[in-house]
Structures are given as structure tokens and as C-alpha cells.
Amino acid sequence: MRSLPALSVACAIAMLTPGSLLAEGLYAAIAFSPSTGLSGTSWNFETSMLAETEAYLQCGAEDCDTLVVFQQCGALAVGRELYYGYGYDLSSATAIETALQQCDALTTGCEITAAFCNDGY
């Protein structure tokens, strides 16, 4: 009978755990080709290297380069002449805002082309 209260406490703690603890150890990445504008994304990978490799493969262009590897939320904005900006943060809204600000500082017509979070964010 003692295990029931312990289990109840564990369940209550799990329900109150913030998202950052749920996604602890997961990695995501964004890759981008400056010549084609193609991009690749990956999320929920156990290592940064796996996330980076998958984003590169998803991008599909020879000159794809990893822009960022992160553990929370990320976004990519692309504008005229394939200028871009990216952001990452605990919230997708902040990641999107940062990506747009970076892109807008370089060019016009910036639009979000990717925005996502690891599980738990």
C-alpha cells in the first residue's frame, strides 16, 4: 500500500514538470543553402550530431550549411536575394521574432519558412 502514495506523488510531479524538463537531451537543427534557398530541419534527436546530419540531408543542396543546433524551439526566415535570419528560444514566438528581426536587418520581404520545437516545448 505504501507504493500507491509514492506513485501518486510521482504522477503529480510529472504533470507539473515544465516542458524544458520533458525535452531535456533532445536536439534540433536548421540547415540552409544560400544558393538555392532550400532548407532542412530536424527535431527530437538524441545527439546534436544526429540532428545536424538529418537537417543537412533534408536540405538537399550541396552547399547546405547548418545554421543552428538547439534544444528548444527554432525558426528560419528568408527574404529577398535569399538573405536569412534564424532564432531559437524556449518559446516558438520568440524564435520567430528573432528570425524575422535578423532577416529584416539584411533585406526585405522576410517570411518564416520553418518554425518548430522539440517535444515538450
C-alpha atoms as a PDB file:
ATOM      1  CA  MET A   1       0.000   0.000   0.000  1.00  0.00           C
ATOM      2  CA  ARG A   2       2.938   2.367   0.505  1.00  0.00           C
ATOM      3  CA  SER A   3       3.726   2.356  -3.192  1.00  0.00           C
ATOM      4  CA  LEU A   4       0.369   3.907  -4.085  1.00  0.00           C
ATOM      5  CA  PRO A   5       1.062   7.292  -2.426  1.00  0.00           C
ATOM      6  CA  ALA A   6       4.578   7.346  -3.880  1.00  0.00           C
ATOM      7  CA  LEU A   7       3.152   6.627  -7.311  1.00  0.00           C
ATOM      8  CA  SER A   8       0.552   9.363  -6.871  1.00  0.00           C
ATOM      9  CA  VAL A   9       3.258  11.856  -5.909  1.00  0.00           C
ATOM     10  CA  ALA A  10       5.355  10.827  -8.905  1.00  0.00           C
ATOM     11  CA  CYS A  11       2.377  11.287 -11.233  1.00  0.00           C
ATOM     12  CA  ALA A  12       1.604  14.699  -9.751  1.00  0.00           C
ATOM     13  CA  ILE A  13       5.218  15.803 -10.191  1.00  0.00           C
ATOM     14  CA  ALA A  14       5.238  14.564 -13.787  1.00  0.00           C
ATOM     15  CA  MET A  15       2.095  16.558 -14.530  1.00  0.00           C
ATOM     16  CA  LEU A  16       3.626  19.713 -13.076  1.00  0.00           C
ATOM     17  CA  THR A  17       7.027  19.309 -14.775  1.00  0.00           C
ATOM     18  CA  PRO A  18       7.795  22.219 -17.094  1.00  0.00           C
ATOM     19  CA  GLY A  19       8.293  21.487 -20.790  1.00  0.00           C
ATOM     20  CA  SER A  20      12.038  22.091 -20.622  1.00  0.00           C
ATOM     21  CA  LEU A  21      12.469  19.001 -18.468  1.00  0.00           C
ATOM     22  CA  LEU A  22      10.384  16.888 -20.822  1.00  0.00           C
ATOM     23  CA  ALA A  23      12.631  17.742 -23.782  1.00  0.00           C
ATOM     24  CA  GLU A  24      15.894  17.539 -21.888  1.00  0.00           C
ATOM     25  CA  GLY A  25      18.518  15.919 -24.073  1.00  0.00           C
ATOM     26  CA  LEU A  26      16.674  16.342 -27.390  1.00  0.00           C
ATOM     27  CA  TYR A  27      18.326  18.259 -30.208  1.00  0.00           C
ATOM     28  CA  ALA A  28      17.040  20.032 -33.304  1.00  0.00           C
ATOM     29  CA  ALA A  29      18.785  21.756 -36.208  1.00  0.00           C
ATOM     30  CA  ILE A  30      18.213  24.026 -39.188  1.00  0.00           C
ATOM     31  CA  ALA A  31      20.335  23.851 -42.353  1.00  0.00           C
ATOM     32  CA  PHE A  32      20.158  26.311 -45.270  1.00  0.00           C
ATOM     33  CA  SER A  33      21.503  26.586 -48.818  1.00  0.00           C
ATOM     34  CA  PRO A  34      22.387  30.208 -49.665  1.00  0.00           C
ATOM     35  CA  SER A  35      22.444  29.461 -53.410  1.00  0.00           C
ATOM     36  CA  THR A  36      19.074  27.713 -53.705  1.00  0.00           C
ATOM     37  CA  GLY A  37      17.105  28.836 -50.655  1.00  0.00           C
ATOM     38  CA  LEU A  38      16.404  25.209 -49.747  1.00  0.00           C
ATOM     39  CA  SER A  39      16.360  24.381 -46.067  1.00  0.00           C
ATOM     40  CA  GLY A  40      16.313  21.292 -43.940  1.00  0.00           C
ATOM     41  CA  THR A  41      15.096  20.768 -40.414  1.00  0.00           C
ATOM     42  CA  SER A  42      15.292  18.050 -37.805  1.00  0.00           C
ATOM     43  CA  TRP A  43      13.974  17.668 -34.273  1.00  0.00           C
ATOM     44  CA  ASN A  44      13.768  15.227 -31.367  1.00  0.00           C
ATOM     45  CA  PHE A  45      17.209  13.689 -31.924  1.00  0.00           C
ATOM     46  CA  GLU A  46      19.264  12.260 -29.070  1.00  0.00           C
ATOM     47  CA  THR A  47      22.522  13.955 -30.138  1.00  0.00           C
ATOM     48  CA  SER A  48      23.403  17.251 -31.762  1.00  0.00           C
ATOM     49  CA  MET A  49      25.381  15.407 -34.465  1.00  0.00           C
ATOM     50  CA  LEU A  50      22.345  13.317 -35.467  1.00  0.00           C
ATOM     51  CA  ALA A  51      20.154  16.432 -35.612  1.00  0.00           C
ATOM     52  CA  GLU A  52      22.720  18.316 -37.680  1.00  0.00           C
ATOM     53  CA  THR A  53      23.185  15.408 -40.104  1.00  0.00           C
ATOM     54  CA  GLU A  54      19.445  14.968 -40.640  1.00  0.00           C
ATOM     55  CA  ALA A  55      18.904  18.703 -41.261  1.00  0.00           C
ATOM     56  CA  TYR A  56      21.704  18.651 -43.842  1.00  0.00           C
ATOM     57  CA  LEU A  57      20.215  15.605 -45.583  1.00  0.00           C
ATOM     58  CA  GLN A  58      16.728  17.176 -45.599  1.00  0.00           C
ATOM     59  CA  CYS A  59      18.125  20.371 -47.131  1.00  0.00           C
ATOM     60  CA  GLY A  60      19.230  18.506 -50.241  1.00  0.00           C
ATOM     61  CA  ALA A  61      21.668  21.014 -51.737  1.00  0.00           C
ATOM     62  CA  GLU A  62      25.430  20.628 -51.907  1.00  0.00           C
ATOM     63  CA  ASP A  63      26.118  23.948 -50.215  1.00  0.00           C
ATOM     64  CA  CYS A  64      23.732  23.439 -47.282  1.00  0.00           C
ATOM     65  CA  ASP A  65      25.233  24.591 -44.040  1.00  0.00           C
ATOM     66  CA  THR A  66      23.955  24.150 -40.516  1.00  0.00           C
ATOM     67  CA  LEU A  67      22.738  27.482 -39.187  1.00  0.00           C
ATOM     68  CA  VAL A  68      21.910  26.381 -35.661  1.00  0.00           C
ATOM     69  CA  VAL A  69      21.575  23.337 -33.412  1.00  0.00           C
ATOM     70  CA  PHE A  70      19.312  23.847 -30.399  1.00  0.00           C
ATOM     71  CA  GLN A  71      17.287  22.095 -27.725  1.00  0.00           C
ATOM     72  CA  GLN A  72      14.130  24.234 -27.541  1.00  0.00           C
ATOM     73  CA  CYS A  73      12.297  25.968 -30.396  1.00  0.00           C
ATOM     74  CA  GLY A  74      13.741  27.371 -33.598  1.00  0.00           C
ATOM     75  CA  ALA A  75      12.746  29.344 -36.677  1.00  0.00           C
ATOM     76  CA  LEU A  76      14.124  30.380 -40.062  1.00  0.00           C
ATOM     77  CA  ALA A  77      13.097  33.494 -42.003  1.00  0.00           C
ATOM     78  CA  VAL A  78      14.118  34.034 -45.645  1.00  0.00           C
ATOM     79  CA  GLY A  79      13.819  37.252 -47.631  1.00  0.00           C
ATOM     80  CA  ARG A  80      14.827  38.770 -50.958  1.00  0.00           C
ATOM     81  CA  GLU A  81      18.061  37.589 -52.552  1.00  0.00           C
ATOM     82  CA  LEU A  82      17.974  34.620 -50.139  1.00  0.00           C
ATOM     83  CA  TYR A  83      19.129  36.630 -47.151  1.00  0.00           C
ATOM     84  CA  TYR A  84      18.003  34.943 -43.971  1.00  0.00           C
ATOM     85  CA  GLY A  85      17.755  35.110 -40.210  1.00  0.00           C
ATOM     86  CA  TYR A  86      17.248  32.439 -37.596  1.00  0.00           C
ATOM     87  CA  GLY A  87      16.334  32.284 -33.953  1.00  0.00           C
ATOM     88  CA  TYR A  88      15.986  29.810 -31.134  1.00  0.00           C
ATOM     89  CA  ASP A  89      14.480  30.143 -27.700  1.00  0.00           C
ATOM     90  CA  LEU A  90      12.291  28.432 -25.123  1.00  0.00           C
ATOM     91  CA  SER A  91       9.224  29.758 -26.963  1.00  0.00           C
ATOM     92  CA  SER A  92       8.444  29.474 -30.659  1.00  0.00           C
ATOM     93  CA  ALA A  93       7.091  33.043 -30.671  1.00  0.00           C
ATOM     94  CA  THR A  94      10.452  34.444 -29.549  1.00  0.00           C
ATOM     95  CA  ALA A  95      12.359  32.241 -32.004  1.00  0.00           C
ATOM     96  CA  ILE A  96      10.151  33.519 -34.838  1.00  0.00           C
ATOM     97  CA  GLU A  97      10.537  37.138 -33.731  1.00  0.00           C
ATOM     98  CA  THR A  98      14.337  36.814 -33.604  1.00  0.00           C
ATOM     99  CA  ALA A  99      14.488  35.159 -37.044  1.00  0.00           C
ATOM    100  CA  LEU A 100      12.390  37.943 -38.585  1.00  0.00           C
ATOM    101  CA  GLN A 101      14.429  40.681 -36.901  1.00  0.00           C
ATOM    102  CA  GLN A 102      17.707  39.203 -38.167  1.00  0.00           C
ATOM    103  CA  CYS A 103      16.346  38.811 -41.688  1.00  0.00           C
ATOM    104  CA  ASP A 104      14.735  42.275 -41.738  1.00  0.00           C
ATOM    105  CA  ALA A 105      18.086  43.804 -40.795  1.00  0.00           C
ATOM    106  CA  LEU A 106      19.562  42.404 -44.036  1.00  0.00           C
ATOM    107  CA  THR A 107      16.776  42.596 -46.608  1.00  0.00           C
ATOM    108  CA  THR A 108      13.048  42.997 -47.252  1.00  0.00           C
ATOM    109  CA  GLY A 109      10.227  40.542 -47.836  1.00  0.00           C
ATOM    110  CA  CYS A 110      11.213  38.247 -44.987  1.00  0.00           C
ATOM    111  CA  GLU A 111       8.901  35.319 -44.298  1.00  0.00           C
ATOM    112  CA  ILE A 112       9.103  32.432 -41.864  1.00  0.00           C
ATOM    113  CA  THR A 113       9.926  29.257 -43.808  1.00  0.00           C
ATOM    114  CA  ALA A 114      10.386  26.947 -40.808  1.00  0.00           C
ATOM    115  CA  ALA A 115       9.309  27.121 -37.174  1.00  0.00           C
ATOM    116  CA  PHE A 116       9.191  24.166 -34.792  1.00  0.00           C
ATOM    117  CA  CYS A 117      10.027  22.883 -31.317  1.00  0.00           C
ATOM    118  CA  ASN A 118      11.387  19.699 -29.830  1.00  0.00           C
ATOM    119  CA  ASP A 119       8.765  17.660 -27.985  1.00  0.00           C
ATOM    120  CA  GLY A 120       7.992  19.200 -24.627  1.00  0.00           C
ATOM    121  CA  TYR A 121       8.247  22.851 -25.708  1.00  0.00           C
END
